[in-house]
Amino acid sequence: MYGSFVSRYGRSPRARTSALRGDPDLPLLLSLENYDAETKRATRTAIFDRRTLERYKPVEHVESAAEALAVCLNETVRSTGRAWQH
């Protein structure tokens, strides 16, 4: 899909962003390419070639109570899908 878009319209939508200026998804669209302002060239990002996220690794040790609280709250959201409420 990306390849056919590039062959039809060319790389880097930055030149065509005026039509999308108010669109809240514009940063997402622009994140598909690495743009070099000096050379005015764009290349596709790593997401097209390889995994960009690592598997989840649980926290096994913390140094303070504040870190423990942060981990606990993060784990609660991860397992329940909703934030802790008081």
PDB file of N, CA and C in Angstrom:
ATOM      1  N   MET A   1       0.821  -1.178   0.000  1.00  0.00           N
ATOM      2  CA  MET A   1       0.000   0.000   0.000  1.00  0.00           C
ATOM      3  C   MET A   1       0.881   1.265   0.000  1.00  0.00           C
ATOM      4  N   TYR A   2       1.876   1.288   0.893  1.00  0.00           N
ATOM      5  CA  TYR A   2       2.771   2.450   0.961  1.00  0.00           C
ATOM      6  C   TYR A   2       3.509   2.618  -0.367  1.00  0.00           C
ATOM      7  N   GLY A   3       4.019   1.509  -0.902  1.00  0.00           N
ATOM      8  CA  GLY A   3       4.758   1.562  -2.164  1.00  0.00           C
ATOM      9  C   GLY A   3       3.918   2.086  -3.315  1.00  0.00           C
ATOM     10  N   SER A   4       2.668   1.669  -3.394  1.00  0.00           N
ATOM     11  CA  SER A   4       1.810   2.149  -4.483  1.00  0.00           C
ATOM     12  C   SER A   4       1.475   3.635  -4.307  1.00  0.00           C
ATOM     13  N   PHE A   5       1.316   4.076  -3.043  1.00  0.00           N
ATOM     14  CA  PHE A   5       1.078   5.491  -2.793  1.00  0.00           C
ATOM     15  C   PHE A   5       2.275   6.323  -3.240  1.00  0.00           C
ATOM     16  N   VAL A   6       3.483   5.880  -2.865  1.00  0.00           N
ATOM     17  CA  VAL A   6       4.698   6.615  -3.222  1.00  0.00           C
ATOM     18  C   VAL A   6       4.884   6.652  -4.729  1.00  0.00           C
ATOM     19  N   SER A   7       4.621   5.527  -5.416  1.00  0.00           N
ATOM     20  CA  SER A   7       4.795   5.529  -6.870  1.00  0.00           C
ATOM     21  C   SER A   7       3.786   6.450  -7.559  1.00  0.00           C
ATOM     22  N   ARG A   8       2.625   6.604  -6.956  1.00  0.00           N
ATOM     23  CA  ARG A   8       1.605   7.466  -7.557  1.00  0.00           C
ATOM     24  C   ARG A   8       1.789   8.943  -7.209  1.00  0.00           C
ATOM     25  N   TYR A   9       2.098   9.239  -5.922  1.00  0.00           N
ATOM     26  CA  TYR A   9       2.135  10.627  -5.464  1.00  0.00           C
ATOM     27  C   TYR A   9       3.521  11.130  -5.069  1.00  0.00           C
ATOM     28  N   GLY A  10       4.482  10.240  -4.961  1.00  0.00           N
ATOM     29  CA  GLY A  10       5.819  10.631  -4.531  1.00  0.00           C
ATOM     30  C   GLY A  10       5.956  10.549  -3.025  1.00  0.00           C
ATOM     31  N   ARG A  11       7.184  10.631  -2.534  1.00  0.00           N
ATOM     32  CA  ARG A  11       7.447  10.560  -1.103  1.00  0.00           C
ATOM     33  C   ARG A  11       7.137  11.885  -0.429  1.00  0.00           C
ATOM     34  N   SER A  12       7.059  11.805   0.863  1.00  0.00           N
ATOM     35  CA  SER A  12       6.894  12.946   1.752  1.00  0.00           C
ATOM     36  C   SER A  12       5.646  13.771   1.513  1.00  0.00           C
ATOM     37  N   PRO A  13       4.640  13.541   2.338  1.00  0.00           N
ATOM     38  CA  PRO A  13       3.425  14.353   2.244  1.00  0.00           C
ATOM     39  C   PRO A  13       3.618  15.767   2.775  1.00  0.00           C
ATOM     40  N   ARG A  14       4.808  16.099   3.248  1.00  0.00           N
ATOM     41  CA  ARG A  14       5.042  17.420   3.826  1.00  0.00           C
ATOM     42  C   ARG A  14       4.722  18.542   2.847  1.00  0.00           C
ATOM     43  N   ALA A  15       4.957  18.307   1.580  1.00  0.00           N
ATOM     44  CA  ALA A  15       4.660  19.336   0.586  1.00  0.00           C
ATOM     45  C   ALA A  15       3.154  19.505   0.392  1.00  0.00           C
ATOM     46  N   ARG A  16       2.380  18.494   0.796  1.00  0.00           N
ATOM     47  CA  ARG A  16       0.937  18.530   0.588  1.00  0.00           C
ATOM     48  C   ARG A  16       0.161  18.653   1.898  1.00  0.00           C
ATOM     49  N   THR A  17       0.782  19.118   2.952  1.00  0.00           N
ATOM     50  CA  THR A  17       0.123  19.158   4.255  1.00  0.00           C
ATOM     51  C   THR A  17      -0.848  20.315   4.417  1.00  0.00           C
ATOM     52  N   SER A  18      -0.824  21.284   3.548  1.00  0.00           N
ATOM     53  CA  SER A  18      -1.724  22.428   3.724  1.00  0.00           C
ATOM     54  C   SER A  18      -3.190  21.999   3.708  1.00  0.00           C
ATOM     55  N   ALA A  19      -3.526  20.992   2.922  1.00  0.00           N
ATOM     56  CA  ALA A  19      -4.906  20.513   2.868  1.00  0.00           C
ATOM     57  C   ALA A  19      -5.297  19.778   4.144  1.00  0.00           C
ATOM     58  N   LEU A  20      -4.312  19.263   4.869  1.00  0.00           N
ATOM     59  CA  LEU A  20      -4.569  18.482   6.078  1.00  0.00           C
ATOM     60  C   LEU A  20      -4.200  19.221   7.353  1.00  0.00           C
ATOM     61  N   ARG A  21      -3.884  20.484   7.260  1.00  0.00           N
ATOM     62  CA  ARG A  21      -3.366  21.250   8.398  1.00  0.00           C
ATOM     63  C   ARG A  21      -4.220  21.128   9.656  1.00  0.00           C
ATOM     64  N   GLY A  22      -5.534  21.102   9.543  1.00  0.00           N
ATOM     65  CA  GLY A  22      -6.402  21.015  10.713  1.00  0.00           C
ATOM     66  C   GLY A  22      -6.725  19.596  11.146  1.00  0.00           C
ATOM     67  N   ASP A  23      -6.241  18.615  10.412  1.00  0.00           N
ATOM     68  CA  ASP A  23      -6.563  17.220  10.701  1.00  0.00           C
ATOM     69  C   ASP A  23      -5.772  16.735  11.916  1.00  0.00           C
ATOM     70  N   PRO A  24      -6.436  16.201  12.934  1.00  0.00           N
ATOM     71  CA  PRO A  24      -5.719  15.738  14.123  1.00  0.00           C
ATOM     72  C   PRO A  24      -4.833  14.527  13.856  1.00  0.00           C
ATOM     73  N   ASP A  25      -5.023  13.845  12.727  1.00  0.00           N
ATOM     74  CA  ASP A  25      -4.201  12.678  12.391  1.00  0.00           C
ATOM     75  C   ASP A  25      -2.987  13.013  11.531  1.00  0.00           C
ATOM     76  N   LEU A  26      -2.769  14.291  11.239  1.00  0.00           N
ATOM     77  CA  LEU A  26      -1.620  14.680  10.419  1.00  0.00           C
ATOM     78  C   LEU A  26      -0.299  14.221  11.017  1.00  0.00           C
ATOM     79  N   PRO A  27      -0.042  14.373  12.322  1.00  0.00           N
ATOM     80  CA  PRO A  27       1.233  13.879  12.863  1.00  0.00           C
ATOM     81  C   PRO A  27       1.416  12.374  12.657  1.00  0.00           C
ATOM     82  N   LEU A  28       0.330  11.624  12.715  1.00  0.00           N
ATOM     83  CA  LEU A  28       0.411  10.186  12.473  1.00  0.00           C
ATOM     84  C   LEU A  28       0.829   9.912  11.033  1.00  0.00           C
ATOM     85  N   LEU A  29       0.255  10.619  10.092  1.00  0.00           N
ATOM     86  CA  LEU A  29       0.622  10.475   8.690  1.00  0.00           C
ATOM     87  C   LEU A  29       2.092  10.846   8.475  1.00  0.00           C
ATOM     88  N   LEU A  30       2.516  11.954   9.051  1.00  0.00           N
ATOM     89  CA  LEU A  30       3.900  12.401   8.884  1.00  0.00           C
ATOM     90  C   LEU A  30       4.898  11.449   9.544  1.00  0.00           C
ATOM     91  N   SER A  31       4.442  10.695  10.538  1.00  0.00           N
ATOM     92  CA  SER A  31       5.351   9.779  11.231  1.00  0.00           C
ATOM     93  C   SER A  31       5.706   8.556  10.390  1.00  0.00           C
ATOM     94  N   LEU A  32       5.103   8.391   9.239  1.00  0.00           N
ATOM     95  CA  LEU A  32       5.411   7.252   8.377  1.00  0.00           C
ATOM     96  C   LEU A  32       6.708   7.434   7.603  1.00  0.00           C
ATOM     97  N   GLU A  33       7.247   8.635   7.621  1.00  0.00           N
ATOM     98  CA  GLU A  33       8.479   8.907   6.893  1.00  0.00           C
ATOM     99  C   GLU A  33       9.464   9.695   7.751  1.00  0.00           C
ATOM    100  N   ASN A  34      10.732   9.462   7.504  1.00  0.00           N
ATOM    101  CA  ASN A  34      11.804  10.274   8.092  1.00  0.00           C
ATOM    102  C   ASN A  34      12.174  11.303   7.029  1.00  0.00           C
ATOM    103  N   TYR A  35      11.977  12.559   7.353  1.00  0.00           N
ATOM    104  CA  TYR A  35      12.228  13.620   6.384  1.00  0.00           C
ATOM    105  C   TYR A  35      13.510  14.356   6.729  1.00  0.00           C
ATOM    106  N   ASP A  36      14.379  14.489   5.748  1.00  0.00           N
ATOM    107  CA  ASP A  36      15.628  15.219   5.917  1.00  0.00           C
ATOM    108  C   ASP A  36      15.451  16.586   5.251  1.00  0.00           C
ATOM    109  N   ALA A  37      15.321  17.630   6.055  1.00  0.00           N
ATOM    110  CA  ALA A  37      15.071  18.976   5.528  1.00  0.00           C
ATOM    111  C   ALA A  37      16.234  19.484   4.686  1.00  0.00           C
ATOM    112  N   GLU A  38      17.444  19.031   5.014  1.00  0.00           N
ATOM    113  CA  GLU A  38      18.623  19.483   4.277  1.00  0.00           C
ATOM    114  C   GLU A  38      18.616  18.970   2.838  1.00  0.00           C
ATOM    115  N   THR A  39      18.327  17.693   2.662  1.00  0.00           N
ATOM    116  CA  THR A  39      18.316  17.103   1.319  1.00  0.00           C
ATOM    117  C   THR A  39      16.933  17.128   0.687  1.00  0.00           C
ATOM    118  N   LYS A  40      15.931  17.464   1.505  1.00  0.00           N
ATOM    119  CA  LYS A  40      14.529  17.470   1.066  1.00  0.00           C
ATOM    120  C   LYS A  40      14.108  16.108   0.531  1.00  0.00           C
ATOM    121  N   ARG A  41      14.564  15.068   1.237  1.00  0.00           N
ATOM    122  CA  ARG A  41      14.217  13.699   0.864  1.00  0.00           C
ATOM    123  C   ARG A  41      13.586  12.993   2.046  1.00  0.00           C
ATOM    124  N   ALA A  42      12.734  12.061   1.735  1.00  0.00           N
ATOM    125  CA  ALA A  42      12.067  11.281   2.771  1.00  0.00           C
ATOM    126  C   ALA A  42      12.334   9.795   2.542  1.00  0.00           C
ATOM    127  N   THR A  43      12.448   9.069   3.627  1.00  0.00           N
ATOM    128  CA  THR A  43      12.573   7.621   3.570  1.00  0.00           C
ATOM    129  C   THR A  43      11.525   7.029   4.499  1.00  0.00           C
ATOM    130  N   ARG A  44      11.098   5.833   4.192  1.00  0.00           N
ATOM    131  CA  ARG A  44      10.078   5.233   5.046  1.00  0.00           C
ATOM    132  C   ARG A  44      10.686   4.815   6.373  1.00  0.00           C
ATOM    133  N   THR A  45       9.861   4.797   7.400  1.00  0.00           N
ATOM    134  CA  THR A  45      10.340   4.503   8.751  1.00  0.00           C
ATOM    135  C   THR A  45      10.471   3.001   8.983  1.00  0.00           C
ATOM    136  N   ALA A  46      11.062   2.658  10.108  1.00  0.00           N
ATOM    137  CA  ALA A  46      11.359   1.271  10.456  1.00  0.00           C
ATOM    138  C   ALA A  46      10.115   0.399  10.580  1.00  0.00           C
ATOM    139  N   ILE A  47       8.974   0.992  10.839  1.00  0.00           N
ATOM    140  CA  ILE A  47       7.754   0.202  11.040  1.00  0.00           C
ATOM    141  C   ILE A  47       7.414  -0.648   9.811  1.00  0.00           C
ATOM    142  N   PHE A  48       7.898  -0.254   8.645  1.00  0.00           N
ATOM    143  CA  PHE A  48       7.638  -1.015   7.426  1.00  0.00           C
ATOM    144  C   PHE A  48       8.574  -2.214   7.271  1.00  0.00           C
ATOM    145  N   ASP A  49       9.685  -2.219   7.986  1.00  0.00           N
ATOM    146  CA  ASP A  49      10.705  -3.240   7.777  1.00  0.00           C
ATOM    147  C   ASP A  49      10.914  -4.207   8.931  1.00  0.00           C
ATOM    148  N   ARG A  50      10.573  -3.787  10.147  1.00  0.00           N
ATOM    149  CA  ARG A  50      10.854  -4.636  11.306  1.00  0.00           C
ATOM    150  C   ARG A  50       9.933  -4.270  12.466  1.00  0.00           C
ATOM    151  N   ARG A  51       9.954  -5.131  13.484  1.00  0.00           N
ATOM    152  CA  ARG A  51       9.181  -4.842  14.687  1.00  0.00           C
ATOM    153  C   ARG A  51       9.751  -3.594  15.361  1.00  0.00           C
ATOM    154  N   THR A  52       8.883  -2.748  15.833  1.00  0.00           N
ATOM    155  CA  THR A  52       9.345  -1.532  16.497  1.00  0.00           C
ATOM    156  C   THR A  52       8.975  -1.502  17.969  1.00  0.00           C
ATOM    157  N   LEU A  53       8.239  -2.501  18.427  1.00  0.00           N
ATOM    158  CA  LEU A  53       7.874  -2.602  19.835  1.00  0.00           C
ATOM    159  C   LEU A  53       8.467  -3.878  20.414  1.00  0.00           C
ATOM    160  N   GLU A  54       8.901  -3.806  21.640  1.00  0.00           N
ATOM    161  CA  GLU A  54       9.433  -4.986  22.304  1.00  0.00           C
ATOM    162  C   GLU A  54       8.328  -5.661  23.095  1.00  0.00           C
ATOM    163  N   ARG A  55       8.537  -6.938  23.388  1.00  0.00           N
ATOM    164  CA  ARG A  55       7.591  -7.655  24.236  1.00  0.00           C
ATOM    165  C   ARG A  55       7.591  -7.041  25.627  1.00  0.00           C
ATOM    166  N   TYR A  56       6.485  -7.180  26.321  1.00  0.00           N
ATOM    167  CA  TYR A  56       6.355  -6.665  27.677  1.00  0.00           C
ATOM    168  C   TYR A  56       7.284  -7.433  28.614  1.00  0.00           C
ATOM    169  N   LYS A  57       8.029  -6.704  29.423  1.00  0.00           N
ATOM    170  CA  LYS A  57       8.904  -7.295  30.437  1.00  0.00           C
ATOM    171  C   LYS A  57       8.457  -6.763  31.796  1.00  0.00           C
ATOM    172  N   PRO A  58       7.982  -7.652  32.673  1.00  0.00           N
ATOM    173  CA  PRO A  58       7.526  -7.172  33.982  1.00  0.00           C
ATOM    174  C   PRO A  58       8.680  -6.609  34.815  1.00  0.00           C
ATOM    175  N   VAL A  59       8.370  -5.626  35.625  1.00  0.00           N
ATOM    176  CA  VAL A  59       9.353  -5.025  36.520  1.00  0.00           C
ATOM    177  C   VAL A  59       9.622  -6.021  37.652  1.00  0.00           C
ATOM    178  N   GLU A  60      10.889  -6.286  37.921  1.00  0.00           N
ATOM    179  CA  GLU A  60      11.256  -7.255  38.949  1.00  0.00           C
ATOM    180  C   GLU A  60      11.833  -6.614  40.207  1.00  0.00           C
ATOM    181  N   HIS A  61      12.219  -5.340  40.115  1.00  0.00           N
ATOM    182  CA  HIS A  61      12.833  -4.686  41.263  1.00  0.00           C
ATOM    183  C   HIS A  61      12.629  -3.175  41.164  1.00  0.00           C
ATOM    184  N   VAL A  62      12.380  -2.546  42.289  1.00  0.00           N
ATOM    185  CA  VAL A  62      12.302  -1.088  42.361  1.00  0.00           C
ATOM    186  C   VAL A  62      13.156  -0.615  43.522  1.00  0.00           C
ATOM    187  N   GLU A  63      13.526   0.647  43.494  1.00  0.00           N
ATOM    188  CA  GLU A  63      14.395   1.211  44.522  1.00  0.00           C
ATOM    189  C   GLU A  63      13.657   1.982  45.605  1.00  0.00           C
ATOM    190  N   SER A  64      12.421   2.382  45.327  1.00  0.00           N
ATOM    191  CA  SER A  64      11.731   3.216  46.308  1.00  0.00           C
ATOM    192  C   SER A  64      10.235   2.899  46.332  1.00  0.00           C
ATOM    193  N   ALA A  65       9.583   3.423  47.353  1.00  0.00           N
ATOM    194  CA  ALA A  65       8.137   3.255  47.461  1.00  0.00           C
ATOM    195  C   ALA A  65       7.415   3.969  46.318  1.00  0.00           C
ATOM    196  N   ALA A  66       7.945   5.104  45.910  1.00  0.00           N
ATOM    197  CA  ALA A  66       7.337   5.856  44.808  1.00  0.00           C
ATOM    198  C   ALA A  66       7.394   5.057  43.510  1.00  0.00           C
ATOM    199  N   GLU A  67       8.525   4.412  43.252  1.00  0.00           N
ATOM    200  CA  GLU A  67       8.640   3.555  42.071  1.00  0.00           C
ATOM    201  C   GLU A  67       7.685   2.374  42.165  1.00  0.00           C
ATOM    202  N   ALA A  68       7.556   1.781  43.349  1.00  0.00           N
ATOM    203  CA  ALA A  68       6.655   0.650  43.552  1.00  0.00           C
ATOM    204  C   ALA A  68       5.213   1.061  43.274  1.00  0.00           C
ATOM    205  N   LEU A  69       4.827   2.242  43.739  1.00  0.00           N
ATOM    206  CA  LEU A  69       3.485   2.738  43.490  1.00  0.00           C
ATOM    207  C   LEU A  69       3.249   2.924  41.989  1.00  0.00           C
ATOM    208  N   ALA A  70       4.216   3.510  41.310  1.00  0.00           N
ATOM    209  CA  ALA A  70       4.082   3.728  39.871  1.00  0.00           C
ATOM    210  C   ALA A  70       3.927   2.399  39.137  1.00  0.00           C
ATOM    211  N   VAL A  71       4.714   1.407  39.515  1.00  0.00           N
ATOM    212  CA  VAL A  71       4.624   0.084  38.884  1.00  0.00           C
ATOM    213  C   VAL A  71       3.262  -0.541  39.178  1.00  0.00           C
ATOM    214  N   CYS A  72       2.826  -0.448  40.417  1.00  0.00           N
ATOM    215  CA  CYS A  72       1.541  -1.015  40.810  1.00  0.00           C
ATOM    216  C   CYS A  72       0.392  -0.392  40.021  1.00  0.00           C
ATOM    217  N   LEU A  73       0.388   0.907  39.912  1.00  0.00           N
ATOM    218  CA  LEU A  73      -0.666   1.580  39.158  1.00  0.00           C
ATOM    219  C   LEU A  73      -0.609   1.202  37.679  1.00  0.00           C
ATOM    220  N   ASN A  74       0.587   1.106  37.131  1.00  0.00           N
ATOM    221  CA  ASN A  74       0.740   0.712  35.734  1.00  0.00           C
ATOM    222  C   ASN A  74       0.226  -0.705  35.518  1.00  0.00           C
ATOM    223  N   GLU A  75       0.552  -1.611  36.425  1.00  0.00           N
ATOM    224  CA  GLU A  75       0.108  -2.994  36.295  1.00  0.00           C
ATOM    225  C   GLU A  75      -1.412  -3.097  36.435  1.00  0.00           C
ATOM    226  N   THR A  76      -1.995  -2.287  37.293  1.00  0.00           N
ATOM    227  CA  THR A  76      -3.447  -2.306  37.474  1.00  0.00           C
ATOM    228  C   THR A  76      -4.142  -1.892  36.181  1.00  0.00           C
ATOM    229  N   VAL A  77      -3.652  -0.847  35.549  1.00  0.00           N
ATOM    230  CA  VAL A  77      -4.229  -0.388  34.288  1.00  0.00           C
ATOM    231  C   VAL A  77      -4.018  -1.450  33.217  1.00  0.00           C
ATOM    232  N   ARG A  78      -2.832  -2.053  33.174  1.00  0.00           N
ATOM    233  CA  ARG A  78      -2.532  -3.056  32.154  1.00  0.00           C
ATOM    234  C   ARG A  78      -3.465  -4.262  32.289  1.00  0.00           C
ATOM    235  N   SER A  79      -3.739  -4.722  33.512  1.00  0.00           N
ATOM    236  CA  SER A  79      -4.530  -5.937  33.693  1.00  0.00           C
ATOM    237  C   SER A  79      -6.038  -5.693  33.631  1.00  0.00           C
ATOM    238  N   THR A  80      -6.491  -4.523  34.034  1.00  0.00           N
ATOM    239  CA  THR A  80      -7.935  -4.272  34.051  1.00  0.00           C
ATOM    240  C   THR A  80      -8.408  -3.448  32.867  1.00  0.00           C
ATOM    241  N   GLY A  81      -7.489  -2.736  32.236  1.00  0.00           N
ATOM    242  CA  GLY A  81      -7.872  -1.881  31.122  1.00  0.00           C
ATOM    243  C   GLY A  81      -8.462  -0.554  31.545  1.00  0.00           C
ATOM    244  N   ARG A  82      -8.478  -0.287  32.830  1.00  0.00           N
ATOM    245  CA  ARG A  82      -8.991   1.010  33.297  1.00  0.00           C
ATOM    246  C   ARG A  82      -8.125   1.538  34.415  1.00  0.00           C
ATOM    247  N   ALA A  83      -8.135   2.828  34.564  1.00  0.00           N
ATOM    248  CA  ALA A  83      -7.288   3.482  35.559  1.00  0.00           C
ATOM    249  C   ALA A  83      -7.827   3.266  36.961  1.00  0.00           C
ATOM    250  N   TRP A  84      -6.934   3.357  37.931  1.00  0.00           N
ATOM    251  CA  TRP A  84      -7.303   3.252  39.349  1.00  0.00           C
ATOM    252  C   TRP A  84      -8.108   4.480  39.715  1.00  0.00           C
ATOM    253  N   GLN A  85      -9.155   4.266  40.482  1.00  0.00           N
ATOM    254  CA  GLN A  85      -9.985   5.392  40.940  1.00  0.00           C
ATOM    255  C   GLN A  85     -10.069   5.354  42.454  1.00  0.00           C
ATOM    256  N   HIS A  86     -10.027   6.503  43.087  1.00  0.00           N
ATOM    257  CA  HIS A  86     -10.129   6.548  44.548  1.00  0.00           C
ATOM    258  C   HIS A  86     -11.500   6.980  44.974  1.00  0.00           C
TER     259      HIS A  86
END
